[in-house]
Amino acid sequence: MMKGLTVESLRVSYFVPDDYLRMIMEKVEIKKHLTLKAATRILPSENVKFNMETLIFESNFWLKPNHVFTMNSQYIDLGTSKWNAETFNTFINSWMENR
């Protein structure tokens, strides 16, 4: 039904079932902006690629620095996370070395 669907922007709010979000991520090409409001359990794989201009996580307690390194987005807003100062510092240093 949605195979090959392309949209410019998408905002996924709370109360979206994980199965439905998984289907969206597999079948819909999001060109410019994706906002994920809810913390989800289905995207913690480092293999998930985000190929859009802007990626916003309003809550991302599962997100780790390795996930961010695999994302293909010009702008990434990490929103609320559980990264401590050491994790964030390690991420910034690695990013500066590898960019």
PDB file of N, CA and C in Angstrom:
ATOM      1  N   MET A   1       0.807  -1.194   0.000  1.00  0.00           N
ATOM      2  CA  MET A   1       0.000   0.000   0.000  1.00  0.00           C
ATOM      3  C   MET A   1       0.853   1.261   0.000  1.00  0.00           C
ATOM      4  N   MET A   2       1.902   1.340   0.826  1.00  0.00           N
ATOM      5  CA  MET A   2       2.731   2.529   0.888  1.00  0.00           C
ATOM      6  C   MET A   2       4.049   2.355   0.148  1.00  0.00           C
ATOM      7  N   LYS A   3       4.289   1.206  -0.449  1.00  0.00           N
ATOM      8  CA  LYS A   3       5.564   0.935  -1.098  1.00  0.00           C
ATOM      9  C   LYS A   3       5.862   1.999  -2.136  1.00  0.00           C
ATOM     10  N   GLY A   4       7.033   2.607  -2.041  1.00  0.00           N
ATOM     11  CA  GLY A   4       7.431   3.615  -3.006  1.00  0.00           C
ATOM     12  C   GLY A   4       6.888   5.002  -2.721  1.00  0.00           C
ATOM     13  N   LEU A   5       6.215   5.191  -1.597  1.00  0.00           N
ATOM     14  CA  LEU A   5       5.667   6.496  -1.241  1.00  0.00           C
ATOM     15  C   LEU A   5       6.800   7.419  -0.809  1.00  0.00           C
ATOM     16  N   THR A   6       6.782   8.644  -1.304  1.00  0.00           N
ATOM     17  CA  THR A   6       7.768   9.646  -0.933  1.00  0.00           C
ATOM     18  C   THR A   6       7.049  10.839  -0.322  1.00  0.00           C
ATOM     19  N   VAL A   7       7.541  11.311   0.816  1.00  0.00           N
ATOM     20  CA  VAL A   7       6.980  12.495   1.457  1.00  0.00           C
ATOM     21  C   VAL A   7       8.113  13.465   1.781  1.00  0.00           C
ATOM     22  N   GLU A   8       7.784  14.734   1.864  1.00  0.00           N
ATOM     23  CA  GLU A   8       8.784  15.744   2.214  1.00  0.00           C
ATOM     24  C   GLU A   8       9.084  15.727   3.710  1.00  0.00           C
ATOM     25  N   SER A   9       8.040  15.722   4.525  1.00  0.00           N
ATOM     26  CA  SER A   9       8.206  15.820   5.975  1.00  0.00           C
ATOM     27  C   SER A   9       7.242  14.881   6.682  1.00  0.00           C
ATOM     28  N   LEU A  10       7.682  14.385   7.833  1.00  0.00           N
ATOM     29  CA  LEU A  10       6.837  13.496   8.620  1.00  0.00           C
ATOM     30  C   LEU A  10       7.123  13.725  10.096  1.00  0.00           C
ATOM     31  N   ARG A  11       6.062  13.799  10.885  1.00  0.00           N
ATOM     32  CA  ARG A  11       6.178  13.900  12.343  1.00  0.00           C
ATOM     33  C   ARG A  11       5.421  12.719  12.938  1.00  0.00           C
ATOM     34  N   VAL A  12       6.121  11.913  13.707  1.00  0.00           N
ATOM     35  CA  VAL A  12       5.513  10.760  14.356  1.00  0.00           C
ATOM     36  C   VAL A  12       5.413  11.082  15.841  1.00  0.00           C
ATOM     37  N   SER A  13       4.181  11.193  16.333  1.00  0.00           N
ATOM     38  CA  SER A  13       3.945  11.573  17.724  1.00  0.00           C
ATOM     39  C   SER A  13       3.809  10.349  18.607  1.00  0.00           C
ATOM     40  N   TYR A  14       3.413  10.596  19.837  1.00  0.00           N
ATOM     41  CA  TYR A  14       3.186   9.515  20.790  1.00  0.00           C
ATOM     42  C   TYR A  14       2.053   8.617  20.329  1.00  0.00           C
ATOM     43  N   PHE A  15       1.989   7.453  20.900  1.00  0.00           N
ATOM     44  CA  PHE A  15       0.902   6.498  20.704  1.00  0.00           C
ATOM     45  C   PHE A  15       0.858   5.900  19.300  1.00  0.00           C
ATOM     46  N   VAL A  16       1.954   5.936  18.576  1.00  0.00           N
ATOM     47  CA  VAL A  16       2.031   5.246  17.293  1.00  0.00           C
ATOM     48  C   VAL A  16       2.625   3.872  17.584  1.00  0.00           C
ATOM     49  N   PRO A  17       1.898   2.811  17.265  1.00  0.00           N
ATOM     50  CA  PRO A  17       2.410   1.465  17.547  1.00  0.00           C
ATOM     51  C   PRO A  17       3.740   1.205  16.832  1.00  0.00           C
ATOM     52  N   ASP A  18       4.624   0.462  17.499  1.00  0.00           N
ATOM     53  CA  ASP A  18       5.935   0.168  16.926  1.00  0.00           C
ATOM     54  C   ASP A  18       5.840  -0.505  15.563  1.00  0.00           C
ATOM     55  N   ASP A  19       4.876  -1.414  15.381  1.00  0.00           N
ATOM     56  CA  ASP A  19       4.737  -2.088  14.087  1.00  0.00           C
ATOM     57  C   ASP A  19       4.420  -1.099  12.976  1.00  0.00           C
ATOM     58  N   TYR A  20       3.600  -0.126  13.274  1.00  0.00           N
ATOM     59  CA  TYR A  20       3.243   0.885  12.274  1.00  0.00           C
ATOM     60  C   TYR A  20       4.449   1.763  11.953  1.00  0.00           C
ATOM     61  N   LEU A  21       5.214   2.152  12.973  1.00  0.00           N
ATOM     62  CA  LEU A  21       6.415   2.951  12.740  1.00  0.00           C
ATOM     63  C   LEU A  21       7.438   2.167  11.928  1.00  0.00           C
ATOM     64  N   ARG A  22       7.585   0.879  12.217  1.00  0.00           N
ATOM     65  CA  ARG A  22       8.510   0.033  11.456  1.00  0.00           C
ATOM     66  C   ARG A  22       8.105   0.007   9.982  1.00  0.00           C
ATOM     67  N   MET A  23       6.816  -0.124   9.711  1.00  0.00           N
ATOM     68  CA  MET A  23       6.325  -0.136   8.336  1.00  0.00           C
ATOM     69  C   MET A  23       6.630   1.194   7.640  1.00  0.00           C
ATOM     70  N   ILE A  24       6.439   2.296   8.336  1.00  0.00           N
ATOM     71  CA  ILE A  24       6.740   3.608   7.755  1.00  0.00           C
ATOM     72  C   ILE A  24       8.219   3.706   7.405  1.00  0.00           C
ATOM     73  N   MET A  25       9.089   3.320   8.336  1.00  0.00           N
ATOM     74  CA  MET A  25      10.530   3.438   8.108  1.00  0.00           C
ATOM     75  C   MET A  25      11.007   2.540   6.977  1.00  0.00           C
ATOM     76  N   GLU A  26      10.346   1.420   6.753  1.00  0.00           N
ATOM     77  CA  GLU A  26      10.745   0.500   5.691  1.00  0.00           C
ATOM     78  C   GLU A  26      10.207   0.901   4.329  1.00  0.00           C
ATOM     79  N   LYS A  27       9.022   1.517   4.277  1.00  0.00           N
ATOM     80  CA  LYS A  27       8.346   1.691   2.995  1.00  0.00           C
ATOM     81  C   LYS A  27       8.184   3.124   2.522  1.00  0.00           C
ATOM     82  N   VAL A  28       8.443   4.096   3.373  1.00  0.00           N
ATOM     83  CA  VAL A  28       8.235   5.491   2.992  1.00  0.00           C
ATOM     84  C   VAL A  28       9.584   6.195   2.908  1.00  0.00           C
ATOM     85  N   GLU A  29       9.838   6.851   1.795  1.00  0.00           N
ATOM     86  CA  GLU A  29      11.044   7.659   1.650  1.00  0.00           C
ATOM     87  C   GLU A  29      10.725   9.066   2.147  1.00  0.00           C
ATOM     88  N   ILE A  30      11.459   9.500   3.154  1.00  0.00           N
ATOM     89  CA  ILE A  30      11.250  10.827   3.730  1.00  0.00           C
ATOM     90  C   ILE A  30      12.382  11.711   3.239  1.00  0.00           C
ATOM     91  N   LYS A  31      12.038  12.708   2.428  1.00  0.00           N
ATOM     92  CA  LYS A  31      13.039  13.525   1.747  1.00  0.00           C
ATOM     93  C   LYS A  31      13.732  14.549   2.641  1.00  0.00           C
ATOM     94  N   LYS A  32      12.961  15.305   3.422  1.00  0.00           N
ATOM     95  CA  LYS A  32      13.566  16.440   4.115  1.00  0.00           C
ATOM     96  C   LYS A  32      13.581  16.339   5.633  1.00  0.00           C
ATOM     97  N   HIS A  33      12.428  16.165   6.255  1.00  0.00           N
ATOM     98  CA  HIS A  33      12.357  16.286   7.712  1.00  0.00           C
ATOM     99  C   HIS A  33      11.619  15.108   8.341  1.00  0.00           C
ATOM    100  N   LEU A  34      12.222  14.569   9.405  1.00  0.00           N
ATOM    101  CA  LEU A  34      11.560  13.546  10.205  1.00  0.00           C
ATOM    102  C   LEU A  34      11.684  13.944  11.667  1.00  0.00           C
ATOM    103  N   THR A  35      10.552  13.975  12.359  1.00  0.00           N
ATOM    104  CA  THR A  35      10.539  14.217  13.796  1.00  0.00           C
ATOM    105  C   THR A  35       9.941  12.990  14.468  1.00  0.00           C
ATOM    106  N   LEU A  36      10.708  12.411  15.375  1.00  0.00           N
ATOM    107  CA  LEU A  36      10.226  11.283  16.171  1.00  0.00           C
ATOM    108  C   LEU A  36      10.044  11.780  17.592  1.00  0.00           C
ATOM    109  N   LYS A  37       8.803  11.922  17.998  1.00  0.00           N
ATOM    110  CA  LYS A  37       8.496  12.458  19.322  1.00  0.00           C
ATOM    111  C   LYS A  37       8.623  11.394  20.401  1.00  0.00           C
ATOM    112  N   ALA A  38       8.163  10.218  20.115  1.00  0.00           N
ATOM    113  CA  ALA A  38       8.134   9.166  21.130  1.00  0.00           C
ATOM    114  C   ALA A  38       9.436   8.381  21.146  1.00  0.00           C
ATOM    115  N   ALA A  39       9.825   7.971  22.326  1.00  0.00           N
ATOM    116  CA  ALA A  39      10.950   7.046  22.431  1.00  0.00           C
ATOM    117  C   ALA A  39      10.458   5.691  21.955  1.00  0.00           C
ATOM    118  N   THR A  40      11.111   5.135  20.970  1.00  0.00           N
ATOM    119  CA  THR A  40      10.654   3.874  20.406  1.00  0.00           C
ATOM    120  C   THR A  40      11.664   2.770  20.666  1.00  0.00           C
ATOM    121  N   ARG A  41      11.175   1.562  20.690  1.00  0.00           N
ATOM    122  CA  ARG A  41      12.054   0.417  20.916  1.00  0.00           C
ATOM    123  C   ARG A  41      12.469  -0.242  19.612  1.00  0.00           C
ATOM    124  N   ILE A  42      11.956   0.215  18.469  1.00  0.00           N
ATOM    125  CA  ILE A  42      12.218  -0.522  17.235  1.00  0.00           C
ATOM    126  C   ILE A  42      13.402   0.000  16.445  1.00  0.00           C
ATOM    127  N   LEU A  43      13.956   1.132  16.809  1.00  0.00           N
ATOM    128  CA  LEU A  43      15.011   1.718  15.996  1.00  0.00           C
ATOM    129  C   LEU A  43      16.397   1.708  16.624  1.00  0.00           C
ATOM    130  N   PRO A  44      16.660   0.948  17.669  1.00  0.00           N
ATOM    131  CA  PRO A  44      17.972   1.056  18.280  1.00  0.00           C
ATOM    132  C   PRO A  44      19.106   0.406  17.498  1.00  0.00           C
ATOM    133  N   SER A  45      18.834  -0.186  16.376  1.00  0.00           N
ATOM    134  CA  SER A  45      19.880  -0.824  15.585  1.00  0.00           C
ATOM    135  C   SER A  45      20.777   0.214  14.930  1.00  0.00           C
ATOM    136  N   GLU A  46      22.065  -0.029  14.967  1.00  0.00           N
ATOM    137  CA  GLU A  46      23.000   0.866  14.291  1.00  0.00           C
ATOM    138  C   GLU A  46      22.878   0.737  12.781  1.00  0.00           C
ATOM    139  N   ASN A  47      22.163  -0.268  12.306  1.00  0.00           N
ATOM    140  CA  ASN A  47      21.983  -0.463  10.874  1.00  0.00           C
ATOM    141  C   ASN A  47      20.901   0.429  10.289  1.00  0.00           C
ATOM    142  N   VAL A  48      20.104   1.072  11.141  1.00  0.00           N
ATOM    143  CA  VAL A  48      19.046   1.945  10.645  1.00  0.00           C
ATOM    144  C   VAL A  48      19.683   3.199  10.069  1.00  0.00           C
ATOM    145  N   LYS A  49      19.378   3.492   8.822  1.00  0.00           N
ATOM    146  CA  LYS A  49      19.903   4.682   8.158  1.00  0.00           C
ATOM    147  C   LYS A  49      18.799   5.717   8.061  1.00  0.00           C
ATOM    148  N   PHE A  50      19.139   6.932   8.320  1.00  0.00           N
ATOM    149  CA  PHE A  50      18.203   8.030   8.172  1.00  0.00           C
ATOM    150  C   PHE A  50      18.758   8.922   7.072  1.00  0.00           C
ATOM    151  N   ASN A  51      18.127   8.897   5.919  1.00  0.00           N
ATOM    152  CA  ASN A  51      18.601   9.658   4.768  1.00  0.00           C
ATOM    153  C   ASN A  51      17.664  10.825   4.502  1.00  0.00           C
ATOM    154  N   MET A  52      17.719  11.812   5.359  1.00  0.00           N
ATOM    155  CA  MET A  52      16.903  13.002   5.167  1.00  0.00           C
ATOM    156  C   MET A  52      17.700  14.207   5.648  1.00  0.00           C
ATOM    157  N   GLU A  53      17.248  15.377   5.264  1.00  0.00           N
ATOM    158  CA  GLU A  53      17.968  16.603   5.594  1.00  0.00           C
ATOM    159  C   GLU A  53      18.002  16.869   7.102  1.00  0.00           C
ATOM    160  N   THR A  54      16.847  16.790   7.747  1.00  0.00           N
ATOM    161  CA  THR A  54      16.742  17.114   9.169  1.00  0.00           C
ATOM    162  C   THR A  54      16.106  15.950   9.916  1.00  0.00           C
ATOM    163  N   LEU A  55      16.730  15.569  11.000  1.00  0.00           N
ATOM    164  CA  LEU A  55      16.246  14.473  11.834  1.00  0.00           C
ATOM    165  C   LEU A  55      16.153  14.979  13.268  1.00  0.00           C
ATOM    166  N   ILE A  56      14.957  14.912  13.845  1.00  0.00           N
ATOM    167  CA  ILE A  56      14.741  15.426  15.197  1.00  0.00           C
ATOM    168  C   ILE A  56      14.203  14.299  16.078  1.00  0.00           C
ATOM    169  N   PHE A  57      14.902  14.061  17.165  1.00  0.00           N
ATOM    170  CA  PHE A  57      14.444  13.125  18.190  1.00  0.00           C
ATOM    171  C   PHE A  57      14.041  13.961  19.399  1.00  0.00           C
ATOM    172  N   GLU A  58      12.768  13.986  19.728  1.00  0.00           N
ATOM    173  CA  GLU A  58      12.354  14.756  20.897  1.00  0.00           C
ATOM    174  C   GLU A  58      12.618  13.987  22.184  1.00  0.00           C
ATOM    175  N   SER A  59      12.765  12.697  22.081  1.00  0.00           N
ATOM    176  CA  SER A  59      13.092  11.846  23.214  1.00  0.00           C
ATOM    177  C   SER A  59      13.823  10.639  22.649  1.00  0.00           C
ATOM    178  N   ASN A  60      15.040  10.384  23.108  1.00  0.00           N
ATOM    179  CA  ASN A  60      15.819   9.301  22.495  1.00  0.00           C
ATOM    180  C   ASN A  60      16.682   8.581  23.509  1.00  0.00           C
ATOM    181  N   PHE A  61      16.091   8.081  24.543  1.00  0.00           N
ATOM    182  CA  PHE A  61      16.870   7.472  25.609  1.00  0.00           C
ATOM    183  C   PHE A  61      17.633   6.228  25.168  1.00  0.00           C
ATOM    184  N   TRP A  62      17.299   5.656  24.029  1.00  0.00           N
ATOM    185  CA  TRP A  62      17.971   4.462  23.525  1.00  0.00           C
ATOM    186  C   TRP A  62      19.144   4.811  22.606  1.00  0.00           C
ATOM    187  N   LEU A  63      19.225   6.038  22.118  1.00  0.00           N
ATOM    188  CA  LEU A  63      20.202   6.426  21.096  1.00  0.00           C
ATOM    189  C   LEU A  63      21.613   6.475  21.665  1.00  0.00           C
ATOM    190  N   LYS A  64      22.549   5.874  20.943  1.00  0.00           N
ATOM    191  CA  LYS A  64      23.954   5.865  21.341  1.00  0.00           C
ATOM    192  C   LYS A  64      24.775   6.588  20.268  1.00  0.00           C
ATOM    193  N   PRO A  65      25.991   7.030  20.595  1.00  0.00           N
ATOM    194  CA  PRO A  65      26.802   7.748  19.603  1.00  0.00           C
ATOM    195  C   PRO A  65      26.995   6.988  18.293  1.00  0.00           C
ATOM    196  N   ASN A  66      27.137   5.664  18.353  1.00  0.00           N
ATOM    197  CA  ASN A  66      27.320   4.900  17.115  1.00  0.00           C
ATOM    198  C   ASN A  66      26.125   5.012  16.182  1.00  0.00           C
ATOM    199  N   HIS A  67      24.920   5.166  16.736  1.00  0.00           N
ATOM    200  CA  HIS A  67      23.743   5.365  15.898  1.00  0.00           C
ATOM    201  C   HIS A  67      23.879   6.665  15.107  1.00  0.00           C
ATOM    202  N   VAL A  68      24.317   7.713  15.788  1.00  0.00           N
ATOM    203  CA  VAL A  68      24.409   9.028  15.150  1.00  0.00           C
ATOM    204  C   VAL A  68      25.441   9.007  14.027  1.00  0.00           C
ATOM    205  N   PHE A  69      26.539   8.302  14.222  1.00  0.00           N
ATOM    206  CA  PHE A  69      27.572   8.237  13.185  1.00  0.00           C
ATOM    207  C   PHE A  69      27.072   7.585  11.900  1.00  0.00           C
ATOM    208  N   THR A  70      26.064   6.727  11.984  1.00  0.00           N
ATOM    209  CA  THR A  70      25.557   6.057  10.782  1.00  0.00           C
ATOM    210  C   THR A  70      24.445   6.837  10.095  1.00  0.00           C
ATOM    211  N   MET A  71      24.003   7.930  10.696  1.00  0.00           N
ATOM    212  CA  MET A  71      22.894   8.696  10.120  1.00  0.00           C
ATOM    213  C   MET A  71      23.392   9.615   9.014  1.00  0.00           C
ATOM    214  N   ASN A  72      22.637   9.652   7.936  1.00  0.00           N
ATOM    215  CA  ASN A  72      22.985  10.468   6.785  1.00  0.00           C
ATOM    216  C   ASN A  72      22.044  11.673   6.738  1.00  0.00           C
ATOM    217  N   SER A  73      22.205  12.565   7.696  1.00  0.00           N
ATOM    218  CA  SER A  73      21.365  13.755   7.791  1.00  0.00           C
ATOM    219  C   SER A  73      22.258  14.968   8.003  1.00  0.00           C
ATOM    220  N   GLN A  74      21.858  16.081   7.399  1.00  0.00           N
ATOM    221  CA  GLN A  74      22.639  17.301   7.551  1.00  0.00           C
ATOM    222  C   GLN A  74      22.490  17.872   8.957  1.00  0.00           C
ATOM    223  N   TYR A  75      21.268  17.813   9.503  1.00  0.00           N
ATOM    224  CA  TYR A  75      20.991  18.321  10.842  1.00  0.00           C
ATOM    225  C   TYR A  75      20.375  17.208  11.681  1.00  0.00           C
ATOM    226  N   ILE A  76      20.929  17.004  12.874  1.00  0.00           N
ATOM    227  CA  ILE A  76      20.390  16.012  13.800  1.00  0.00           C
ATOM    228  C   ILE A  76      20.194  16.689  15.152  1.00  0.00           C
ATOM    229  N   ASP A  77      18.955  16.699  15.624  1.00  0.00           N
ATOM    230  CA  ASP A  77      18.624  17.250  16.936  1.00  0.00           C
ATOM    231  C   ASP A  77      18.370  16.068  17.860  1.00  0.00           C
ATOM    232  N   LEU A  78      19.225  15.904  18.856  1.00  0.00           N
ATOM    233  CA  LEU A  78      19.133  14.751  19.747  1.00  0.00           C
ATOM    234  C   LEU A  78      18.060  14.894  20.809  1.00  0.00           C
ATOM    235  N   GLY A  79      17.515  16.075  20.992  1.00  0.00           N
ATOM    236  CA  GLY A  79      16.446  16.255  21.970  1.00  0.00           C
ATOM    237  C   GLY A  79      16.880  15.835  23.361  1.00  0.00           C
ATOM    238  N   THR A  80      16.005  15.174  24.075  1.00  0.00           N
ATOM    239  CA  THR A  80      16.281  14.698  25.425  1.00  0.00           C
ATOM    240  C   THR A  80      16.966  13.344  25.344  1.00  0.00           C
ATOM    241  N   SER A  81      18.096  13.226  26.007  1.00  0.00           N
ATOM    242  CA  SER A  81      18.797  11.945  25.995  1.00  0.00           C
ATOM    243  C   SER A  81      19.404  11.692  27.368  1.00  0.00           C
ATOM    244  N   LYS A  82      19.995  10.528  27.514  1.00  0.00           N
ATOM    245  CA  LYS A  82      20.663  10.178  28.769  1.00  0.00           C
ATOM    246  C   LYS A  82      22.179  10.234  28.620  1.00  0.00           C
ATOM    247  N   TRP A  83      22.656  10.914  27.593  1.00  0.00           N
ATOM    248  CA  TRP A  83      24.100  11.041  27.436  1.00  0.00           C
ATOM    249  C   TRP A  83      24.649  11.887  28.579  1.00  0.00           C
ATOM    250  N   ASN A  84      25.694  11.383  29.212  1.00  0.00           N
ATOM    251  CA  ASN A  84      26.349  12.193  30.232  1.00  0.00           C
ATOM    252  C   ASN A  84      27.467  13.001  29.565  1.00  0.00           C
ATOM    253  N   ALA A  85      28.148  13.824  30.325  1.00  0.00           N
ATOM    254  CA  ALA A  85      29.185  14.699  29.771  1.00  0.00           C
ATOM    255  C   ALA A  85      30.302  13.890  29.113  1.00  0.00           C
ATOM    256  N   GLU A  86      30.675  12.779  29.703  1.00  0.00           N
ATOM    257  CA  GLU A  86      31.751  11.956  29.144  1.00  0.00           C
ATOM    258  C   GLU A  86      31.353  11.363  27.787  1.00  0.00           C
ATOM    259  N   THR A  87      30.138  10.844  27.688  1.00  0.00           N
ATOM    260  CA  THR A  87      29.659  10.278  26.423  1.00  0.00           C
ATOM    261  C   THR A  87      29.599  11.349  25.344  1.00  0.00           C
ATOM    262  N   PHE A  88      29.058  12.501  25.688  1.00  0.00           N
ATOM    263  CA  PHE A  88      28.944  13.589  24.719  1.00  0.00           C
ATOM    264  C   PHE A  88      30.325  14.071  24.285  1.00  0.00           C
ATOM    265  N   ASN A  89      31.253  14.196  25.213  1.00  0.00           N
ATOM    266  CA  ASN A  89      32.611  14.626  24.895  1.00  0.00           C
ATOM    267  C   ASN A  89      33.302  13.623  23.977  1.00  0.00           C
ATOM    268  N   THR A  90      33.149  12.339  24.257  1.00  0.00           N
ATOM    269  CA  THR A  90      33.722  11.295  23.397  1.00  0.00           C
ATOM    270  C   THR A  90      33.129  11.369  21.998  1.00  0.00           C
ATOM    271  N   PHE A  91      31.817  11.561  21.915  1.00  0.00           N
ATOM    272  CA  PHE A  91      31.152  11.692  20.619  1.00  0.00           C
ATOM    273  C   PHE A  91      31.701  12.882  19.837  1.00  0.00           C
ATOM    274  N   ILE A  92      31.793  14.041  20.469  1.00  0.00           N
ATOM    275  CA  ILE A  92      32.278  15.251  19.788  1.00  0.00           C
ATOM    276  C   ILE A  92      33.712  15.052  19.309  1.00  0.00           C
ATOM    277  N   ASN A  93      34.569  14.493  20.142  1.00  0.00           N
ATOM    278  CA  ASN A  93      35.963  14.266  19.742  1.00  0.00           C
ATOM    279  C   ASN A  93      36.062  13.294  18.574  1.00  0.00           C
ATOM    280  N   SER A  94      35.288  12.219  18.602  1.00  0.00           N
ATOM    281  CA  SER A  94      35.293  11.253  17.493  1.00  0.00           C
ATOM    282  C   SER A  94      34.782  11.891  16.215  1.00  0.00           C
ATOM    283  N   TRP A  95      33.731  12.668  16.330  1.00  0.00           N
ATOM    284  CA  TRP A  95      33.160  13.342  15.161  1.00  0.00           C
ATOM    285  C   TRP A  95      34.181  14.298  14.543  1.00  0.00           C
ATOM    286  N   MET A  96      34.882  15.065  15.373  1.00  0.00           N
ATOM    287  CA  MET A  96      35.863  16.023  14.859  1.00  0.00           C
ATOM    288  C   MET A  96      37.031  15.310  14.186  1.00  0.00           C
ATOM    289  N   GLU A  97      37.429  14.164  14.694  1.00  0.00           N
ATOM    290  CA  GLU A  97      38.529  13.402  14.102  1.00  0.00           C
ATOM    291  C   GLU A  97      38.149  12.784  12.763  1.00  0.00           C
ATOM    292  N   ASN A  98      36.892  12.401  12.602  1.00  0.00           N
ATOM    293  CA  ASN A  98      36.468  11.635  11.426  1.00  0.00           C
ATOM    294  C   ASN A  98      35.687  12.421  10.388  1.00  0.00           C
ATOM    295  N   ARG A  99      35.474  13.676  10.592  1.00  0.00           N
ATOM    296  CA  ARG A  99      34.666  14.401   9.614  1.00  0.00           C
ATOM    297  C   ARG A  99      35.511  14.739   8.477  1.00  0.00           C
TER     298      ARG A  99
END
